[in-house]
C-alpha cells in the first residue's frame, strides 16, 4: 500500500502551511488569550479557497479528499488550535452536509 501524499495533498499542505505561518502564527497567542474570533483570518482563508476544501468542484469548492482536509487542519493547528477548529467545523459541519 502506497501511503505517500498525492500531488494535490502536497499542494494543500504547502498552501495551508504558508497561510498558518504567515497569518495564524503571529496572532495565535492573542487569539487564545483574548478569546477572540479571528474573523479576518477566516476571511483570508476563504480567499485562498480553504473554506470549501471538501465541497465538490462543480459547486465552487476545492473538491479535495478527507486526507487533504486533515492535512489542512493539522497545519493550522500547529500554531492555533482554536482557529483550526473554526476552519474545521466550517468545512465539516457547515459545508460538507450541504
PDB file of N, CA and C in Angstrom:
ATOM      1  N   UNK A   1       0.842  -1.171   0.000  1.00  0.00           N
ATOM      2  CA  UNK A   1       0.000   0.000   0.000  1.00  0.00           C
ATOM      3  C   UNK A   1       0.893   1.242   0.000  1.00  0.00           C
ATOM      4  N   UNK A   2       0.615   2.147  -0.902  1.00  0.00           N
ATOM      5  CA  UNK A   2       1.383   3.390  -1.012  1.00  0.00           C
ATOM      6  C   UNK A   2       0.727   4.465  -0.150  1.00  0.00           C
ATOM      7  N   UNK A   3       1.443   4.908   0.876  1.00  0.00           N
ATOM      8  CA  UNK A   3       0.906   5.916   1.790  1.00  0.00           C
ATOM      9  C   UNK A   3       1.502   7.303   1.553  1.00  0.00           C
ATOM     10  N   UNK A   4       2.207   7.476   0.450  1.00  0.00           N
ATOM     11  CA  UNK A   4       2.761   8.799   0.167  1.00  0.00           C
ATOM     12  C   UNK A   4       1.647   9.749  -0.272  1.00  0.00           C
ATOM     13  N   UNK A   5       1.896  11.030  -0.046  1.00  0.00           N
ATOM     14  CA  UNK A   5       0.900  12.046  -0.378  1.00  0.00           C
ATOM     15  C   UNK A   5       0.811  12.240  -1.886  1.00  0.00           C
ATOM     16  N   UNK A   6      -0.395  12.506  -2.350  1.00  0.00           N
ATOM     17  CA  UNK A   6      -0.606  12.810  -3.762  1.00  0.00           C
ATOM     18  C   UNK A   6      -0.118  14.235  -4.037  1.00  0.00           C
ATOM     19  N   UNK A   7       0.039  14.600  -5.296  1.00  0.00           N
ATOM     20  CA  UNK A   7       0.425  15.983  -5.609  1.00  0.00           C
ATOM     21  C   UNK A   7      -0.566  17.009  -5.033  1.00  0.00           C
ATOM     22  N   UNK A   8      -1.860  16.704  -5.080  1.00  0.00           N
ATOM     23  CA  UNK A   8      -2.867  17.614  -4.527  1.00  0.00           C
ATOM     24  C   UNK A   8      -2.717  17.753  -3.014  1.00  0.00           C
ATOM     25  N   UNK A   9      -2.421  16.652  -2.354  1.00  0.00           N
ATOM     26  CA  UNK A   9      -2.243  16.683  -0.901  1.00  0.00           C
ATOM     27  C   UNK A   9      -0.988  17.464  -0.517  1.00  0.00           C
ATOM     28  N   UNK A  10       0.058  17.313  -1.296  1.00  0.00           N
ATOM     29  CA  UNK A  10       1.273  18.098  -1.030  1.00  0.00           C
ATOM     30  C   UNK A  10       1.013  19.588  -1.262  1.00  0.00           C
ATOM     31  N   UNK A  11       0.218  19.895  -2.263  1.00  0.00           N
ATOM     32  CA  UNK A  11      -0.093  21.301  -2.563  1.00  0.00           C
ATOM     33  C   UNK A  11      -0.939  21.934  -1.461  1.00  0.00           C
ATOM     34  N   UNK A  12      -1.946  21.224  -0.953  1.00  0.00           N
ATOM     35  CA  UNK A  12      -2.764  21.789   0.132  1.00  0.00           C
ATOM     36  C   UNK A  12      -1.921  21.933   1.393  1.00  0.00           C
ATOM     37  N   UNK A  13      -1.003  21.016   1.627  1.00  0.00           N
ATOM     38  CA  UNK A  13      -0.115  21.144   2.785  1.00  0.00           C
ATOM     39  C   UNK A  13       0.737  22.405   2.661  1.00  0.00           C
ATOM     40  N   UNK A  14       1.281  22.642   1.487  1.00  0.00           N
ATOM     41  CA  UNK A  14       2.104  23.834   1.253  1.00  0.00           C
ATOM     42  C   UNK A  14       1.279  25.103   1.445  1.00  0.00           C
ATOM     43  N   UNK A  15       0.101  25.151   0.844  1.00  0.00           N
ATOM     44  CA  UNK A  15      -0.770  26.326   0.961  1.00  0.00           C
ATOM     45  C   UNK A  15      -1.174  26.573   2.407  1.00  0.00           C
ATOM     46  N   UNK A  16      -1.606  25.524   3.095  1.00  0.00           N
ATOM     47  CA  UNK A  16      -2.039  25.656   4.490  1.00  0.00           C
ATOM     48  C   UNK A  16      -0.875  26.030   5.395  1.00  0.00           C
ATOM     49  N   UNK A  17       0.284  25.451   5.165  1.00  0.00           N
ATOM     50  CA  UNK A  17       1.459  25.760   5.988  1.00  0.00           C
ATOM     51  C   UNK A  17       1.868  27.218   5.820  1.00  0.00           C
ATOM     52  N   UNK A  18       1.885  27.697   4.583  1.00  0.00           N
ATOM     53  CA  UNK A  18       2.239  29.100   4.337  1.00  0.00           C
ATOM     54  C   UNK A  18       1.221  30.042   4.978  1.00  0.00           C
ATOM     55  N   UNK A  19      -0.057  29.728   4.836  1.00  0.00           N
ATOM     56  CA  UNK A  19      -1.107  30.541   5.453  1.00  0.00           C
ATOM     57  C   UNK A  19      -0.949  30.552   6.969  1.00  0.00           C
ATOM     58  N   UNK A  20      -0.742  29.392   7.549  1.00  0.00           N
ATOM     59  CA  UNK A  20      -0.634  29.287   9.008  1.00  0.00           C
ATOM     60  C   UNK A  20       0.593  30.032   9.531  1.00  0.00           C
ATOM     61  N   UNK A  21       1.705  29.883   8.864  1.00  0.00           N
ATOM     62  CA  UNK A  21       2.926  30.552   9.321  1.00  0.00           C
ATOM     63  C   UNK A  21       2.844  32.064   9.144  1.00  0.00           C
ATOM     64  N   UNK A  22       2.267  32.502   8.039  1.00  0.00           N
ATOM     65  CA  UNK A  22       2.208  33.930   7.730  1.00  0.00           C
ATOM     66  C   UNK A  22       1.104  34.652   8.497  1.00  0.00           C
ATOM     67  N   UNK A  23      -0.070  34.036   8.594  1.00  0.00           N
ATOM     68  CA  UNK A  23      -1.239  34.725   9.141  1.00  0.00           C
ATOM     69  C   UNK A  23      -1.619  34.289  10.555  1.00  0.00           C
ATOM     70  N   UNK A  24      -1.569  33.005  10.828  1.00  0.00           N
ATOM     71  CA  UNK A  24      -2.071  32.480  12.103  1.00  0.00           C
ATOM     72  C   UNK A  24      -1.024  32.575  13.206  1.00  0.00           C
ATOM     73  N   UNK A  25       0.173  32.144  12.933  1.00  0.00           N
ATOM     74  CA  UNK A  25       1.221  32.095  13.960  1.00  0.00           C
ATOM     75  C   UNK A  25       1.415  33.425  14.697  1.00  0.00           C
ATOM     76  N   UNK A  26       1.511  34.559  13.988  1.00  0.00           N
ATOM     77  CA  UNK A  26       1.736  35.815  14.704  1.00  0.00           C
ATOM     78  C   UNK A  26       0.580  36.224  15.620  1.00  0.00           C
ATOM     79  N   UNK A  27      -0.610  35.696  15.377  1.00  0.00           N
ATOM     80  CA  UNK A  27      -1.799  36.092  16.133  1.00  0.00           C
ATOM     81  C   UNK A  27      -2.262  35.057  17.138  1.00  0.00           C
ATOM     82  N   UNK A  28      -1.693  33.876  17.106  1.00  0.00           N
ATOM     83  CA  UNK A  28      -2.215  32.744  17.878  1.00  0.00           C
ATOM     84  C   UNK A  28      -2.330  33.033  19.367  1.00  0.00           C
ATOM     85  N   UNK A  29      -1.302  33.561  19.968  1.00  0.00           N
ATOM     86  CA  UNK A  29      -1.335  33.806  21.411  1.00  0.00           C
ATOM     87  C   UNK A  29      -2.427  34.811  21.772  1.00  0.00           C
ATOM     88  N   UNK A  30      -2.539  35.886  21.010  1.00  0.00           N
ATOM     89  CA  UNK A  30      -3.559  36.903  21.292  1.00  0.00           C
ATOM     90  C   UNK A  30      -4.968  36.352  21.084  1.00  0.00           C
ATOM     91  N   UNK A  31      -5.148  35.544  20.062  1.00  0.00           N
ATOM     92  CA  UNK A  31      -6.467  34.952  19.801  1.00  0.00           C
ATOM     93  C   UNK A  31      -6.917  34.140  21.006  1.00  0.00           C
ATOM     94  N   UNK A  32      -6.040  33.307  21.516  1.00  0.00           N
ATOM     95  CA  UNK A  32      -6.397  32.471  22.663  1.00  0.00           C
ATOM     96  C   UNK A  32      -6.513  33.285  23.948  1.00  0.00           C
ATOM     97  N   UNK A  33      -5.586  34.193  24.162  1.00  0.00           N
ATOM     98  CA  UNK A  33      -5.588  34.991  25.396  1.00  0.00           C
ATOM     99  C   UNK A  33      -6.842  35.867  25.500  1.00  0.00           C
ATOM    100  N   UNK A  34      -7.267  36.440  24.375  1.00  0.00           N
ATOM    101  CA  UNK A  34      -8.414  37.355  24.367  1.00  0.00           C
ATOM    102  C   UNK A  34      -9.730  36.675  24.006  1.00  0.00           C
ATOM    103  N   UNK A  35      -9.715  35.364  23.850  1.00  0.00           N
ATOM    104  CA  UNK A  35     -10.907  34.615  23.416  1.00  0.00           C
ATOM    105  C   UNK A  35     -11.515  35.264  22.173  1.00  0.00           C
ATOM    106  N   UNK A  36     -10.654  35.573  21.231  1.00  0.00           N
ATOM    107  CA  UNK A  36     -11.024  36.309  20.025  1.00  0.00           C
ATOM    108  C   UNK A  36     -11.508  35.362  18.929  1.00  0.00           C
ATOM    109  N   UNK A  37     -12.527  35.790  18.204  1.00  0.00           N
ATOM    110  CA  UNK A  37     -12.927  35.090  16.984  1.00  0.00           C
ATOM    111  C   UNK A  37     -12.184  35.770  15.837  1.00  0.00           C
ATOM    112  N   UNK A  38     -11.258  35.079  15.192  1.00  0.00           N
ATOM    113  CA  UNK A  38     -10.408  35.714  14.184  1.00  0.00           C
ATOM    114  C   UNK A  38     -11.093  35.842  12.818  1.00  0.00           C
ATOM    115  N   UNK A  39     -12.111  36.688  12.767  1.00  0.00           N
ATOM    116  CA  UNK A  39     -12.894  36.841  11.536  1.00  0.00           C
ATOM    117  C   UNK A  39     -12.010  37.174  10.331  1.00  0.00           C
ATOM    118  N   UNK A  40     -11.003  38.014  10.542  1.00  0.00           N
ATOM    119  CA  UNK A  40     -10.130  38.377   9.426  1.00  0.00           C
ATOM    120  C   UNK A  40      -9.358  37.163   8.899  1.00  0.00           C
ATOM    121  N   UNK A  41      -8.952  36.269   9.787  1.00  0.00           N
ATOM    122  CA  UNK A  41      -8.253  35.062   9.336  1.00  0.00           C
ATOM    123  C   UNK A  41      -9.195  34.128   8.586  1.00  0.00           C
ATOM    124  N   UNK A  42     -10.433  34.059   9.033  1.00  0.00           N
ATOM    125  CA  UNK A  42     -11.435  33.250   8.331  1.00  0.00           C
ATOM    126  C   UNK A  42     -11.646  33.817   6.927  1.00  0.00           C
ATOM    127  N   UNK A  43     -11.734  35.143   6.825  1.00  0.00           N
ATOM    128  CA  UNK A  43     -11.897  35.775   5.510  1.00  0.00           C
ATOM    129  C   UNK A  43     -10.693  35.513   4.609  1.00  0.00           C
ATOM    130  N   UNK A  44      -9.491  35.569   5.170  1.00  0.00           N
ATOM    131  CA  UNK A  44      -8.284  35.287   4.384  1.00  0.00           C
ATOM    132  C   UNK A  44      -8.250  33.825   3.940  1.00  0.00           C
ATOM    133  N   UNK A  45      -8.666  32.931   4.818  1.00  0.00           N
ATOM    134  CA  UNK A  45      -8.739  31.513   4.451  1.00  0.00           C
ATOM    135  C   UNK A  45      -9.736  31.312   3.313  1.00  0.00           C
ATOM    136  N   UNK A  46     -10.844  32.042   3.374  1.00  0.00           N
ATOM    137  CA  UNK A  46     -11.854  31.944   2.314  1.00  0.00           C
ATOM    138  C   UNK A  46     -11.276  32.378   0.970  1.00  0.00           C
ATOM    139  N   UNK A  47     -10.518  33.463   0.972  1.00  0.00           N
ATOM    140  CA  UNK A  47      -9.929  33.957  -0.278  1.00  0.00           C
ATOM    141  C   UNK A  47      -8.947  32.956  -0.882  1.00  0.00           C
ATOM    142  N   UNK A  48      -8.359  32.120  -0.030  1.00  0.00           N
ATOM    143  CA  UNK A  48      -7.430  31.090  -0.511  1.00  0.00           C
ATOM    144  C   UNK A  48      -8.149  29.798  -0.901  1.00  0.00           C
ATOM    145  N   UNK A  49      -9.464  29.764  -0.730  1.00  0.00           N
ATOM    146  CA  UNK A  49     -10.226  28.563  -1.050  1.00  0.00           C
ATOM    147  C   UNK A  49     -10.206  27.506   0.033  1.00  0.00           C
ATOM    148  N   UNK A  50      -9.815  27.904   1.246  1.00  0.00           N
ATOM    149  CA  UNK A  50      -9.690  26.935   2.335  1.00  0.00           C
ATOM    150  C   UNK A  50     -10.986  26.710   3.107  1.00  0.00           C
ATOM    151  N   UNK A  51     -12.061  27.382   2.720  1.00  0.00           N
ATOM    152  CA  UNK A  51     -13.339  27.146   3.401  1.00  0.00           C
ATOM    153  C   UNK A  51     -14.242  26.200   2.618  1.00  0.00           C
ATOM    154  N   UNK A  52     -13.772  25.739   1.499  1.00  0.00           N
ATOM    155  CA  UNK A  52     -14.543  24.788   0.708  1.00  0.00           C
ATOM    156  C   UNK A  52     -13.705  23.592   0.298  1.00  0.00           C
ATOM    157  N   UNK A  53     -12.851  23.158   1.179  1.00  0.00           N
ATOM    158  CA  UNK A  53     -11.922  22.071   0.865  1.00  0.00           C
ATOM    159  C   UNK A  53     -12.661  20.805   0.441  1.00  0.00           C
ATOM    160  N   UNK A  54     -13.745  20.483   1.126  1.00  0.00           N
ATOM    161  CA  UNK A  54     -14.476  19.243   0.850  1.00  0.00           C
ATOM    162  C   UNK A  54     -15.634  19.425  -0.135  1.00  0.00           C
ATOM    163  N   UNK A  55     -15.927  20.658  -0.492  1.00  0.00           N
ATOM    164  CA  UNK A  55     -17.038  20.933  -1.411  1.00  0.00           C
ATOM    165  C   UNK A  55     -16.608  20.544  -2.825  1.00  0.00           C
ATOM    166  N   UNK A  56     -17.443  19.792  -3.542  1.00  0.00           N
ATOM    167  CA  UNK A  56     -17.086  19.394  -4.904  1.00  0.00           C
ATOM    168  C   UNK A  56     -16.839  20.603  -5.812  1.00  0.00           C
ATOM    169  N   UNK A  57     -15.922  20.431  -6.729  1.00  0.00           N
ATOM    170  CA  UNK A  57     -15.540  21.488  -7.660  1.00  0.00           C
ATOM    171  C   UNK A  57     -16.730  22.112  -8.397  1.00  0.00           C
ATOM    172  N   UNK A  58     -17.698  21.326  -8.884  1.00  0.00           N
ATOM    173  CA  UNK A  58     -18.823  21.941  -9.603  1.00  0.00           C
ATOM    174  C   UNK A  58     -19.636  22.928  -8.750  1.00  0.00           C
ATOM    175  N   UNK A  59     -19.496  22.842  -7.446  1.00  0.00           N
ATOM    176  CA  UNK A  59     -20.233  23.729  -6.542  1.00  0.00           C
ATOM    177  C   UNK A  59     -19.350  24.835  -5.970  1.00  0.00           C
ATOM    178  N   UNK A  60     -18.182  25.027  -6.554  1.00  0.00           N
ATOM    179  CA  UNK A  60     -17.320  26.121  -6.146  1.00  0.00           C
ATOM    180  C   UNK A  60     -16.273  25.794  -5.104  1.00  0.00           C
ATOM    181  N   UNK A  61     -16.171  24.538  -4.732  1.00  0.00           N
ATOM    182  CA  UNK A  61     -15.178  24.148  -3.728  1.00  0.00           C
ATOM    183  C   UNK A  61     -13.920  23.591  -4.355  1.00  0.00           C
ATOM    184  N   UNK A  62     -13.028  23.152  -3.503  1.00  0.00           N
ATOM    185  CA  UNK A  62     -11.771  22.577  -3.977  1.00  0.00           C
ATOM    186  C   UNK A  62     -11.932  21.117  -4.389  1.00  0.00           C
ATOM    187  N   UNK A  63     -12.948  20.445  -3.839  1.00  0.00           N
ATOM    188  CA  UNK A  63     -13.195  19.055  -4.195  1.00  0.00           C
ATOM    189  C   UNK A  63     -12.103  18.099  -3.762  1.00  0.00           C
ATOM    190  N   UNK A  64     -11.454  18.409  -2.649  1.00  0.00           N
ATOM    191  CA  UNK A  64     -10.362  17.558  -2.177  1.00  0.00           C
ATOM    192  C   UNK A  64     -10.873  16.443  -1.271  1.00  0.00           C
ATOM    193  N   UNK A  65     -10.013  15.489  -1.003  1.00  0.00           N
ATOM    194  CA  UNK A  65     -10.385  14.345  -0.173  1.00  0.00           C
ATOM    195  C   UNK A  65     -10.206  14.658   1.314  1.00  0.00           C
ATOM    196  N   UNK A  66     -10.609  13.707   2.151  1.00  0.00           N
ATOM    197  CA  UNK A  66     -10.548  13.912   3.600  1.00  0.00           C
ATOM    198  C   UNK A  66      -9.116  13.920   4.142  1.00  0.00           C
ATOM    199  N   UNK A  67      -8.205  13.258   3.464  1.00  0.00           N
ATOM    200  CA  UNK A  67      -6.801  13.322   3.884  1.00  0.00           C
ATOM    201  C   UNK A  67      -6.279  14.745   3.676  1.00  0.00           C
ATOM    202  N   UNK A  68      -6.605  15.353   2.554  1.00  0.00           N
ATOM    203  CA  UNK A  68      -6.212  16.742   2.300  1.00  0.00           C
ATOM    204  C   UNK A  68      -6.801  17.664   3.351  1.00  0.00           C
ATOM    205  N   UNK A  69      -8.038  17.413   3.700  1.00  0.00           N
ATOM    206  CA  UNK A  69      -8.708  18.210   4.727  1.00  0.00           C
ATOM    207  C   UNK A  69      -7.991  18.073   6.068  1.00  0.00           C
ATOM    208  N   UNK A  70      -7.634  16.859   6.437  1.00  0.00           N
ATOM    209  CA  UNK A  70      -6.923  16.630   7.701  1.00  0.00           C
ATOM    210  C   UNK A  70      -5.556  17.312   7.692  1.00  0.00           C
ATOM    211  N   UNK A  71      -4.882  17.277   6.568  1.00  0.00           N
ATOM    212  CA  UNK A  71      -3.584  17.946   6.441  1.00  0.00           C
ATOM    213  C   UNK A  71      -3.750  19.443   6.658  1.00  0.00           C
ATOM    214  N   UNK A  72      -4.754  20.025   6.049  1.00  0.00           N
ATOM    215  CA  UNK A  72      -5.031  21.459   6.191  1.00  0.00           C
ATOM    216  C   UNK A  72      -5.280  21.831   7.650  1.00  0.00           C
ATOM    217  N   UNK A  73      -6.147  21.094   8.322  1.00  0.00           N
ATOM    218  CA  UNK A  73      -6.460  21.380   9.728  1.00  0.00           C
ATOM    219  C   UNK A  73      -5.216  21.209  10.598  1.00  0.00           C
ATOM    220  N   UNK A  74      -4.453  20.167  10.348  1.00  0.00           N
ATOM    221  CA  UNK A  74      -3.239  19.916  11.126  1.00  0.00           C
ATOM    222  C   UNK A  74      -2.230  21.056  10.987  1.00  0.00           C
ATOM    223  N   UNK A  75      -2.063  21.572   9.787  1.00  0.00           N
ATOM    224  CA  UNK A  75      -1.103  22.663   9.573  1.00  0.00           C
ATOM    225  C   UNK A  75      -1.520  23.922  10.337  1.00  0.00           C
ATOM    226  N   UNK A  76      -2.797  24.253  10.335  1.00  0.00           N
ATOM    227  CA  UNK A  76      -3.269  25.430  11.074  1.00  0.00           C
ATOM    228  C   UNK A  76      -3.152  25.181  12.574  1.00  0.00           C
ATOM    229  N   UNK A  77      -3.488  23.978  13.008  1.00  0.00           N
ATOM    230  CA  UNK A  77      -3.457  23.640  14.441  1.00  0.00           C
ATOM    231  C   UNK A  77      -2.042  23.659  15.013  1.00  0.00           C
ATOM    232  N   UNK A  78      -1.036  23.553  14.180  1.00  0.00           N
ATOM    233  CA  UNK A  78       0.348  23.653  14.665  1.00  0.00           C
ATOM    234  C   UNK A  78       0.567  24.957  15.419  1.00  0.00           C
ATOM    235  N   UNK A  79      -0.166  25.997  15.049  1.00  0.00           N
ATOM    236  CA  UNK A  79       0.024  27.313  15.654  1.00  0.00           C
ATOM    237  C   UNK A  79      -1.159  27.766  16.502  1.00  0.00           C
ATOM    238  N   UNK A  80      -2.374  27.377  16.124  1.00  0.00           N
ATOM    239  CA  UNK A  80      -3.546  27.846  16.878  1.00  0.00           C
ATOM    240  C   UNK A  80      -4.681  26.833  16.744  1.00  0.00           C
ATOM    241  N   UNK A  81      -4.875  26.072  17.799  1.00  0.00           N
ATOM    242  CA  UNK A  81      -5.911  25.034  17.769  1.00  0.00           C
ATOM    243  C   UNK A  81      -7.302  25.626  17.620  1.00  0.00           C
ATOM    244  N   UNK A  82      -7.562  26.763  18.264  1.00  0.00           N
ATOM    245  CA  UNK A  82      -8.910  27.333  18.188  1.00  0.00           C
ATOM    246  C   UNK A  82      -9.233  27.808  16.771  1.00  0.00           C
ATOM    247  N   UNK A  83      -8.276  28.398  16.087  1.00  0.00           N
ATOM    248  CA  UNK A  83      -8.505  28.803  14.698  1.00  0.00           C
ATOM    249  C   UNK A  83      -8.695  27.570  13.822  1.00  0.00           C
ATOM    250  N   UNK A  84      -7.924  26.534  14.065  1.00  0.00           N
ATOM    251  CA  UNK A  84      -8.074  25.291  13.306  1.00  0.00           C
ATOM    252  C   UNK A  84      -9.462  24.697  13.494  1.00  0.00           C
ATOM    253  N   UNK A  85      -9.978  24.748  14.723  1.00  0.00           N
ATOM    254  CA  UNK A  85     -11.319  24.206  14.986  1.00  0.00           C
ATOM    255  C   UNK A  85     -12.377  25.013  14.241  1.00  0.00           C
ATOM    256  N   UNK A  86     -12.238  26.330  14.215  1.00  0.00           N
ATOM    257  CA  UNK A  86     -13.193  27.172  13.485  1.00  0.00           C
ATOM    258  C   UNK A  86     -13.225  26.768  12.015  1.00  0.00           C
ATOM    259  N   UNK A  87     -12.058  26.639  11.407  1.00  0.00           N
ATOM    260  CA  UNK A  87     -11.984  26.275   9.992  1.00  0.00           C
ATOM    261  C   UNK A  87     -12.436  24.836   9.762  1.00  0.00           C
ATOM    262  N   UNK A  88     -12.125  23.960  10.692  1.00  0.00           N
ATOM    263  CA  UNK A  88     -12.548  22.561  10.629  1.00  0.00           C
ATOM    264  C   UNK A  88     -14.070  22.450  10.659  1.00  0.00           C
ATOM    265  N   UNK A  89     -14.681  23.091  11.630  1.00  0.00           N
ATOM    266  CA  UNK A  89     -16.139  22.993  11.780  1.00  0.00           C
ATOM    267  C   UNK A  89     -16.848  23.594  10.571  1.00  0.00           C
ATOM    268  N   UNK A  90     -16.330  24.702  10.062  1.00  0.00           N
ATOM    269  CA  UNK A  90     -16.950  25.284   8.868  1.00  0.00           C
ATOM    270  C   UNK A  90     -16.936  24.281   7.715  1.00  0.00           C
ATOM    271  N   UNK A  91     -15.779  23.650   7.495  1.00  0.00           N
ATOM    272  CA  UNK A  91     -15.644  22.710   6.388  1.00  0.00           C
ATOM    273  C   UNK A  91     -16.420  21.421   6.601  1.00  0.00           C
ATOM    274  N   UNK A  92     -16.403  20.891   7.811  1.00  0.00           N
ATOM    275  CA  UNK A  92     -17.005  19.573   8.039  1.00  0.00           C
ATOM    276  C   UNK A  92     -18.482  19.649   8.403  1.00  0.00           C
ATOM    277  N   UNK A  93     -18.814  20.424   9.396  1.00  0.00           N
ATOM    278  CA  UNK A  93     -20.207  20.509   9.851  1.00  0.00           C
ATOM    279  C   UNK A  93     -21.000  21.503   9.012  1.00  0.00           C
ATOM    280  N   UNK A  94     -20.342  22.603   8.626  1.00  0.00           N
ATOM    281  CA  UNK A  94     -21.044  23.673   7.929  1.00  0.00           C
ATOM    282  C   UNK A  94     -21.298  23.436   6.461  1.00  0.00           C
ATOM    283  N   UNK A  95     -20.318  22.915   5.741  1.00  0.00           N
ATOM    284  CA  UNK A  95     -20.486  22.812   4.289  1.00  0.00           C
ATOM    285  C   UNK A  95     -20.613  21.391   3.753  1.00  0.00           C
ATOM    286  N   UNK A  96     -19.950  20.441   4.358  1.00  0.00           N
ATOM    287  CA  UNK A  96     -19.963  19.088   3.790  1.00  0.00           C
ATOM    288  C   UNK A  96     -21.368  18.485   3.702  1.00  0.00           C
ATOM    289  N   UNK A  97     -22.206  18.618   4.734  1.00  0.00           N
ATOM    290  CA  UNK A  97     -23.539  18.017   4.628  1.00  0.00           C
ATOM    291  C   UNK A  97     -24.419  18.642   3.544  1.00  0.00           C
ATOM    292  N   UNK A  98     -24.161  19.894   3.232  1.00  0.00           N
ATOM    293  CA  UNK A  98     -24.970  20.600   2.245  1.00  0.00           C
ATOM    294  C   UNK A  98     -24.657  20.049   0.877  1.00  0.00           C
TER     295      UNK A  98
END
